[in-house]
Amino acid sequence: MPRFLPITAQKRPTRTKQRTALTATTAALAVLAVGTPVAYATLGDEAPAASRSAARAAASRGKDYIETRLLFGTERPDGGPTVTDRQFLAFVDEEVTPRFPNGLTIQDGRGQWRDSHGVIERERSYELTLLYPASEARVRDAQVERIRDAYEKAYAQDSVARIEERTTADF
């Protein structure tokens, strides 16, 4: 004759096991949620249509621009006095603003580079950012080079670094 156990004697999942299963399921879902954007990012054109259309919409808001960053050192290789804030701002007023009157950004920096004798030089510096329409790149190139040359001559600099990127901007 089959033997029936009372309900209290049957094996039931314990609350601890239920919590463990719930925690494991939650962790698995979190990993999937975090990993999905990474997976789409590595697939390139295989991203969902919604992601592609959002990227197109963001790009269509702006226009093609060139971002030029110039890095100006303040130490003089000839041993002269360092370029002061006042001198640099006067340089910007005289040489940069007339060529780029629509705006610019200046940031203070600390930089280092290896000089022609192999010595690592550390100095206070300025980073000047210029943003202009890509259609003006040819004209602006000559203006940027005049700014670089003027600073090198005025403050006995070996060089002024130039970094340039094509970007999209909206104002």
Protein backbone atom coordinates (compact mmCIF):
# COMPACT_ATOMS: atom_id res chain seq x y z
CA MET A 1 0.00 0.00 0.00
CA PRO A 2 1.42 3.41 -0.91
CA ARG A 3 2.44 5.42 1.92
CA PHE A 4 1.55 9.12 1.97
CA LEU A 5 3.45 11.57 4.04
CA PRO A 6 1.66 14.43 5.63
CA ILE A 7 2.19 17.76 3.85
CA THR A 8 4.44 19.01 6.58
CA ALA A 9 6.79 16.10 6.07
CA GLN A 10 7.13 16.53 2.26
CA LYS A 11 10.20 18.28 0.93
CA ARG A 12 9.52 21.88 0.01
CA PRO A 13 12.03 24.42 -1.28
CA THR A 14 13.31 26.46 1.57
CA ARG A 15 13.24 30.25 1.59
CA THR A 16 17.05 30.26 1.40
CA LYS A 17 17.02 28.29 -1.84
CA GLN A 18 14.35 30.57 -3.26
CA ARG A 19 16.37 33.66 -2.38
CA THR A 20 19.52 32.14 -3.90
CA ALA A 21 17.66 31.34 -7.14
CA LEU A 22 16.16 34.84 -7.23
CA THR A 23 19.56 36.43 -6.62
CA ALA A 24 21.19 34.32 -9.34
CA THR A 25 18.43 35.22 -11.82
CA THR A 26 18.74 38.92 -10.99
CA ALA A 27 22.52 38.80 -11.41
CA ALA A 28 22.19 37.05 -14.79
CA LEU A 29 19.72 39.66 -16.01
CA ALA A 30 22.03 42.48 -14.85
CA VAL A 31 24.96 40.96 -16.74
CA LEU A 32 22.84 40.69 -19.88
CA ALA A 33 21.58 44.25 -19.53
CA VAL A 34 25.10 45.65 -19.11
CA GLY A 35 26.64 43.43 -21.78
CA THR A 36 24.07 44.13 -24.50
CA PRO A 37 25.24 47.71 -25.34
CA VAL A 38 28.85 46.49 -25.39
CA ALA A 39 27.92 43.67 -27.73
CA TYR A 40 26.13 46.06 -30.08
CA ALA A 41 29.04 48.50 -29.94
CA THR A 42 31.43 45.79 -31.12
CA LEU A 43 29.17 44.72 -33.97
CA GLY A 44 29.45 48.02 -35.85
CA ASP A 45 26.69 48.17 -38.47
CA GLU A 46 24.80 45.33 -36.83
CA ALA A 47 23.49 47.63 -34.08
CA PRO A 48 19.73 47.86 -33.76
CA ALA A 49 17.94 50.25 -36.11
CA ALA A 50 16.92 52.44 -33.16
CA SER A 51 20.58 53.00 -32.23
CA ARG A 52 21.51 53.85 -35.82
CA SER A 53 18.62 56.30 -36.20
CA ALA A 54 19.48 57.98 -32.87
CA ALA A 55 23.08 58.42 -34.03
CA ARG A 56 21.91 59.89 -37.35
CA ALA A 57 19.57 62.28 -35.56
CA ALA A 58 22.38 63.47 -33.28
CA ALA A 59 24.72 63.96 -36.24
CA SER A 60 22.07 65.83 -38.23
CA ARG A 61 21.76 68.42 -35.46
CA GLY A 62 25.22 69.78 -36.13
CA LYS A 63 27.40 70.82 -39.00
CA ASP A 64 30.90 69.75 -39.98
CA TYR A 65 33.57 71.66 -38.07
CA ILE A 66 37.30 71.49 -37.52
CA GLU A 67 38.58 71.59 -33.95
CA THR A 68 42.14 72.86 -33.75
CA ARG A 69 44.00 72.74 -30.43
CA LEU A 70 47.26 74.57 -29.99
CA LEU A 71 49.60 73.83 -27.07
CA PHE A 72 51.75 76.76 -25.96
CA GLY A 73 54.67 76.27 -23.58
CA THR A 74 55.73 79.01 -21.19
CA GLU A 75 59.38 78.15 -20.51
CA ARG A 76 61.89 79.76 -22.83
CA PRO A 77 64.64 77.50 -24.17
CA ASP A 78 66.99 80.50 -24.26
CA GLY A 79 66.73 80.81 -20.47
CA GLY A 80 64.63 83.97 -20.56
CA PRO A 81 61.75 84.61 -18.18
CA THR A 82 58.67 82.42 -18.49
CA VAL A 83 55.65 83.67 -20.37
CA THR A 84 53.19 85.19 -17.89
CA ASP A 85 49.41 85.03 -17.96
CA ARG A 86 49.29 88.70 -18.85
CA GLN A 87 51.69 88.20 -21.78
CA PHE A 88 49.79 85.18 -23.06
CA LEU A 89 46.41 86.94 -22.88
CA ALA A 90 47.89 89.96 -24.66
CA PHE A 91 49.17 87.57 -27.36
CA VAL A 92 45.67 86.09 -27.71
CA ASP A 93 44.17 89.60 -28.00
CA GLU A 94 46.68 90.68 -30.66
CA GLU A 95 47.23 87.51 -32.71
CA VAL A 96 44.35 85.09 -32.19
CA THR A 97 41.18 87.12 -31.64
CA PRO A 98 41.50 89.15 -34.87
CA ARG A 99 41.75 85.87 -36.84
CA PHE A 100 39.10 83.98 -34.84
CA PRO A 101 36.68 86.61 -33.48
CA ASN A 102 33.75 84.17 -33.16
CA GLY A 103 35.23 82.53 -30.08
CA LEU A 104 37.88 80.34 -28.56
CA THR A 105 38.66 78.47 -25.36
CA ILE A 106 41.83 78.69 -23.27
CA GLN A 107 42.76 76.14 -20.63
CA ASP A 108 45.71 76.15 -18.28
CA GLY A 109 47.86 73.07 -18.42
CA ARG A 110 50.99 71.29 -17.27
CA GLY A 111 53.01 69.62 -19.93
CA GLN A 112 56.25 67.84 -20.65
CA TRP A 113 58.27 67.05 -23.73
CA ARG A 114 61.74 65.86 -24.69
CA ASP A 115 63.93 68.68 -26.02
CA SER A 116 66.50 68.42 -28.81
CA HIS A 117 69.16 67.40 -26.23
CA GLY A 118 67.06 64.50 -24.90
CA VAL A 119 66.14 66.28 -21.67
CA ILE A 120 62.56 65.97 -20.37
CA GLU A 121 61.24 69.49 -19.90
CA ARG A 122 58.21 70.15 -17.69
CA GLU A 123 56.38 73.43 -17.86
CA ARG A 124 53.18 75.33 -17.35
CA SER A 125 51.28 75.60 -20.62
CA TYR A 126 48.13 76.84 -22.32
CA GLU A 127 45.77 74.89 -24.53
CA LEU A 128 43.90 77.04 -27.03
CA THR A 129 40.89 75.48 -28.77
CA LEU A 130 39.52 76.92 -32.00
CA LEU A 131 36.37 75.65 -33.70
CA TYR A 132 35.47 76.68 -37.23
CA PRO A 133 33.38 75.36 -40.13
CA ALA A 134 35.09 72.66 -42.16
CA SER A 135 34.34 74.68 -45.29
CA GLU A 136 36.81 77.31 -44.00
CA ALA A 137 39.65 74.84 -43.37
CA ARG A 138 41.93 76.07 -46.16
CA VAL A 139 41.74 79.73 -45.10
CA ARG A 140 41.93 78.92 -41.38
CA ASP A 141 44.98 76.69 -41.86
CA ALA A 142 47.10 79.67 -42.90
CA GLN A 143 45.76 81.74 -39.99
CA VAL A 144 46.60 78.99 -37.48
CA GLU A 145 50.13 78.74 -38.87
CA ARG A 146 50.62 82.51 -38.51
CA ILE A 147 49.57 82.24 -34.85
CA ARG A 148 52.05 79.42 -34.24
CA ASP A 149 54.89 81.30 -35.97
CA ALA A 150 54.14 84.51 -34.07
CA TYR A 151 54.28 82.77 -30.68
CA GLU A 152 57.47 80.90 -31.51
CA LYS A 153 59.18 84.16 -32.51
CA ALA A 154 57.77 86.31 -29.70
CA TYR A 155 58.69 83.89 -26.91
CA ALA A 156 61.69 82.01 -28.34
CA GLN A 157 59.81 78.68 -28.49
CA ASP A 158 61.04 75.60 -30.33
CA SER A 159 57.47 74.82 -31.40
CA VAL A 160 53.75 75.16 -30.75
CA ALA A 161 51.95 71.82 -31.01
CA ARG A 162 48.91 71.59 -33.27
CA ILE A 163 46.20 68.94 -32.93
CA GLU A 164 43.31 68.85 -35.35
CA GLU A 165 40.12 66.81 -35.58
CA ARG A 166 37.05 66.84 -37.77
CA THR A 167 33.92 66.99 -35.63
CA THR A 168 30.25 67.94 -35.63
CA ALA A 169 29.02 70.97 -33.71
CA ASP A 170 25.71 72.67 -33.10
CA PHE A 171 25.25 76.13 -31.60
